Structure formats: C-alpha cells, structure tokens
Protein backbone atom coordinates (compact mmCIF):
# COMPACT_ATOMS: atom_id res chain seq x y z
CA MET A 1 21.77 -15.88 42.03
CA MET A 2 19.94 -18.37 39.83
CA LYS A 3 16.66 -16.44 40.13
CA THR A 4 18.44 -13.24 39.06
CA ALA A 5 19.98 -14.98 36.05
CA LEU A 6 16.59 -16.38 35.05
CA ARG A 7 14.97 -12.94 35.37
CA ILE A 8 17.66 -11.38 33.22
CA LEU A 9 17.27 -14.13 30.63
CA TRP A 10 13.47 -13.71 30.64
CA ILE A 11 13.72 -9.91 30.28
CA ALA A 12 16.26 -10.23 27.47
CA SER A 13 14.07 -12.78 25.67
CA PHE A 14 10.98 -10.59 26.04
CA ALA A 15 12.86 -7.52 24.81
CA THR A 16 14.10 -9.48 21.79
CA LEU A 17 10.59 -10.69 20.95
CA LEU A 18 9.21 -7.19 21.38
CA GLY A 19 11.94 -5.82 19.12
CA VAL A 20 11.11 -8.36 16.44
CA ALA A 21 7.40 -7.55 16.70
CA TYR A 22 8.04 -3.84 16.17
CA ALA A 23 11.02 -4.07 13.84
CA GLN A 24 11.00 -1.77 10.87
CA GLN A 25 10.72 -3.87 7.74
CA THR A 26 12.41 -3.18 4.46
CA ARG A 27 10.25 -3.19 1.36
CA GLU A 28 11.61 -6.61 0.47
CA GLN A 29 10.76 -8.03 3.91
CA ALA A 30 7.25 -6.60 3.78
CA ILE A 31 6.68 -8.11 0.34
CA ALA A 32 8.05 -11.50 1.44
CA GLY A 33 5.69 -11.48 4.43
CA MET A 34 2.51 -10.86 2.43
CA ARG A 35 -0.13 -13.57 2.40
CA LYS A 36 -0.51 -15.70 -0.69
CA VAL A 37 -3.39 -14.64 -2.91
CA ASP A 38 -5.94 -17.27 -3.90
CA ALA A 39 -6.51 -17.74 -7.64
CA LYS A 40 -10.19 -16.78 -7.27
CA GLU A 41 -9.07 -13.31 -6.11
CA MET A 42 -7.31 -12.70 -9.42
CA ASP A 43 -8.45 -11.70 -12.89
CA PRO A 44 -6.43 -14.16 -14.99
CA THR A 45 -6.86 -11.99 -18.09
CA TYR A 46 -5.10 -8.99 -16.55
CA THR A 47 -1.46 -9.81 -15.80
CA THR A 48 0.69 -6.85 -16.83
CA ALA A 49 1.02 -3.59 -14.91
CA ALA A 50 -0.55 -0.53 -16.52
CA PRO A 51 2.43 1.47 -17.81
CA GLY A 52 1.27 4.95 -16.77
CA ALA A 53 0.14 3.74 -13.34
CA GLN A 54 3.36 1.80 -12.75
CA LYS A 55 5.39 4.91 -13.51
CA LEU A 56 3.42 6.79 -10.84
CA VAL A 57 4.11 4.01 -8.32
CA ASP A 58 7.82 3.93 -9.14
CA GLU A 59 8.13 7.72 -8.86
CA ALA A 60 6.30 7.78 -5.52
CA LEU A 61 8.48 5.03 -4.08
CA ALA A 62 11.65 6.84 -5.18
CA LYS A 63 10.45 10.06 -3.55
CA HIS A 64 9.04 8.47 -0.36
CA PRO A 65 11.44 5.91 1.15
CA GLU A 66 9.22 5.69 4.25
CA VAL A 67 6.58 3.86 2.17
CA ILE A 68 7.07 0.09 2.13
CA LEU A 69 4.13 -1.04 -0.04
CA LEU A 70 2.25 0.92 -2.68
CA ALA A 71 -0.51 -0.05 -5.13
CA ILE A 72 -2.95 1.58 -7.50
CA HIS A 73 -6.44 0.11 -7.88
CA ALA A 74 -8.31 1.16 -11.03
CA THR A 75 -10.74 -0.22 -13.60
CA PRO A 76 -9.08 -1.06 -16.92
CA PRO A 77 -11.35 -1.09 -19.97
CA GLY A 78 -13.29 -4.38 -19.99
CA HIS A 79 -12.33 -5.37 -16.44
CA LYS A 80 -13.43 -4.97 -12.83
CA ASN A 81 -11.59 -2.79 -10.37
CA LEU A 82 -8.22 -4.41 -9.67
CA ILE A 83 -4.58 -3.74 -8.87
CA VAL A 84 -3.04 -2.23 -12.00
CA ALA A 85 0.36 -1.22 -10.55
CA SER A 86 2.35 -1.95 -7.39
CA ASN A 87 5.77 -2.67 -5.94
CA PHE A 88 4.69 -6.14 -4.78
CA GLY A 89 3.08 -7.76 -7.81
CA ARG A 90 -0.50 -8.99 -7.50
CA ILE A 91 -1.32 -7.27 -10.78
CA GLY A 92 -4.88 -8.31 -11.59
CA LYS A 93 -5.99 -8.86 -7.98
CA ILE A 94 -9.65 -7.91 -7.90
CA GLY A 95 -10.54 -5.07 -5.54
CA ASP A 96 -12.27 -5.97 -2.30
CA GLU A 97 -14.98 -4.07 -0.42
CA ASP A 98 -12.47 -1.67 1.18
CA ASP A 99 -11.09 -0.74 -2.23
CA THR A 100 -14.45 -0.19 -3.87
CA ARG A 101 -15.83 1.71 -0.85
CA CYS A 102 -12.87 4.11 -0.94
CA ILE A 103 -13.43 4.73 -4.64
CA ARG A 104 -17.23 5.02 -4.29
CA THR A 105 -17.25 7.34 -1.24
CA GLY A 106 -13.93 9.16 -1.62
CA LYS A 107 -13.23 8.44 2.07
CA SER A 108 -9.89 7.02 3.14
CA ASN A 109 -9.52 3.61 4.74
CA LEU A 110 -7.13 3.84 7.68
CA GLU A 111 -6.02 0.65 9.38
CA VAL A 112 -3.32 -0.60 11.71
CA ASN A 113 -2.48 -4.15 10.69
CA GLY A 114 0.19 -5.59 13.00
CA ASN A 115 3.36 -3.56 12.45
CA HIS A 116 1.92 -1.72 9.44
CA PHE A 117 -0.23 1.37 9.04
CA GLU A 118 -2.29 1.23 5.86
CA ASP A 119 -4.01 4.17 4.24
CA GLU A 120 -6.07 3.81 1.12
CA VAL A 121 -7.03 7.10 -0.49
CA ALA A 122 -9.19 7.89 -3.49
CA MET A 123 -7.09 8.59 -6.58
CA LYS A 124 -8.17 11.46 -8.82
CA ASP A 125 -7.19 12.75 -12.21
CA GLN A 126 -6.19 16.36 -12.87
CA SER A 127 -9.83 17.43 -13.21
CA GLY A 128 -10.65 16.00 -9.77
CA LYS A 129 -12.57 12.95 -11.03
CA THR A 130 -12.02 9.76 -9.01
CA VAL A 131 -10.17 7.20 -11.16
CA GLY A 132 -9.20 4.60 -8.56
CA ALA A 133 -7.54 4.23 -5.19
CA VAL A 134 -3.98 4.35 -3.92
CA GLY A 135 -3.01 1.94 -1.15
CA VAL A 136 -0.05 3.18 0.91
CA VAL A 137 1.58 1.07 3.65
CA PHE A 138 4.08 2.27 6.25
CA ASN A 139 5.98 0.59 9.06
CA TYR A 140 4.15 1.24 12.33
CA LYS A 141 4.63 0.79 16.04
CA PRO A 142 2.39 1.94 18.90
CA GLY A 143 2.84 5.63 19.49
CA ASP A 144 3.64 6.50 15.86
CA ASP A 145 1.76 9.52 14.56
CA LYS A 146 -1.00 8.07 12.36
CA ALA A 147 -2.12 11.54 11.27
CA ALA A 148 1.38 12.30 9.97
CA LEU A 149 1.44 9.03 8.02
CA ALA A 150 -2.02 9.75 6.58
CA LYS A 151 -0.73 13.18 5.51
CA ILE A 152 2.09 11.51 3.56
CA ALA A 153 -0.43 9.20 1.86
CA GLU A 154 -2.48 12.25 0.87
CA GLN A 155 0.66 13.95 -0.45
CA ILE A 156 1.39 10.88 -2.60
CA ARG A 157 -2.21 10.92 -3.86
CA ASP A 158 -1.85 14.61 -4.77
CA GLU A 159 1.46 14.00 -6.56
CA MET A 160 -0.15 11.17 -8.55
CA GLN A 161 -3.14 13.37 -9.38
CA ALA A 162 -0.80 15.98 -10.88
CA GLY A 163 0.60 13.25 -13.16
CA THR A 164 -2.77 11.82 -14.19
CA PRO A 165 -4.55 13.84 -16.90
CA ASN A 166 -7.37 11.25 -17.04
CA ALA A 167 -8.13 7.59 -16.27
CA ALA A 168 -6.90 6.47 -19.70
CA ALA A 169 -3.44 7.84 -18.89
CA LEU A 170 -3.00 5.10 -16.29
CA PHE A 171 -3.16 2.46 -19.02
CA GLY A 172 -1.23 4.23 -21.75
CA PRO A 173 2.49 4.74 -22.14
CA PRO A 174 4.19 6.69 -19.34
CA ALA A 175 4.17 10.43 -19.91
C-alpha cells in the first residue's frame, strides 16, 4: 500500500514538473523570463524604439497571438545593427552573430531554445532589399510542427515587407 502511494506521488510529481517544463507561456511570462542584458551588449546612445518599426511589431503581435516575442533588428543612421523595435524592450541591444548572419546571407536562423521555437528571418523593404531581420519566438514543445511555425514567421516577414517602402521608413513616423 505504501509503495503504491509513493509511486502515485512520484508519477504525479513528475507529471507536474513535465507540465511546467512544457507550459505555454504568455507574452508577459516570456518577457519576465528573459535573461538580463549586460551593459556592454547595448548601444547607450540608442534608447527609443524606431516609430515605423515599432508600428510593424505592434501590428504583427495584434494579428498573430501565437507569437510571444517579436523584434526587429536594423541599422539606424550612425549606429550598428541593433534592436530598433520589440515587445520586450532591449531597444539598442547590438546585434549578435546570428542577427548579422541572417541579414548578410538572407538565410533564416531556426532554433529550439527550451520551450521556445525561434525563427529569425531577413526583413526586406517593398523593393526586396534586405533592411534588417525579424526575430519571431513561439511557444514550443516536442512534437510541434516547426515548419508550420517557420511559415508563420515568413508570413509576418512578408506582412512587414508590404508596410516597409524603404529602410528609412523604419525610423520615420508610422505610415
């Protein structure tokens, strides 16, 4: 009887831990769980979101509730490539190798990171010129269809492209 009770308790505990590990996070929970950014990763002279880019982020988040984190990396005049708009802050965080490689090659970065699937896609303007990168993060658990999530990220990229006449539009007033 005691062994059975212990087994049941162990199974229930394991199931609870497994549920927590694969729980679907809200946007707020995902943001709260992000690592702290070191000051050396930031451009202290760039602290305000680019208005046109932020509008694109806000519109995409309103249209795609399945996305939990979203950011645009671009190169403002006089700066390096950095986050210019997002739903989680970090405005002015300097792009890392993944960001710059995506922009340079046009190839997506796909990554499972714990309970998140991340897709970074090259962002283009209406003429097809690469103007930055869009980082899209979804909740993820083993067995989820990564190709379907990547397709949504590409759809978001395409929607943003339609609203981006040129790179300068990211930094100007929202259209």
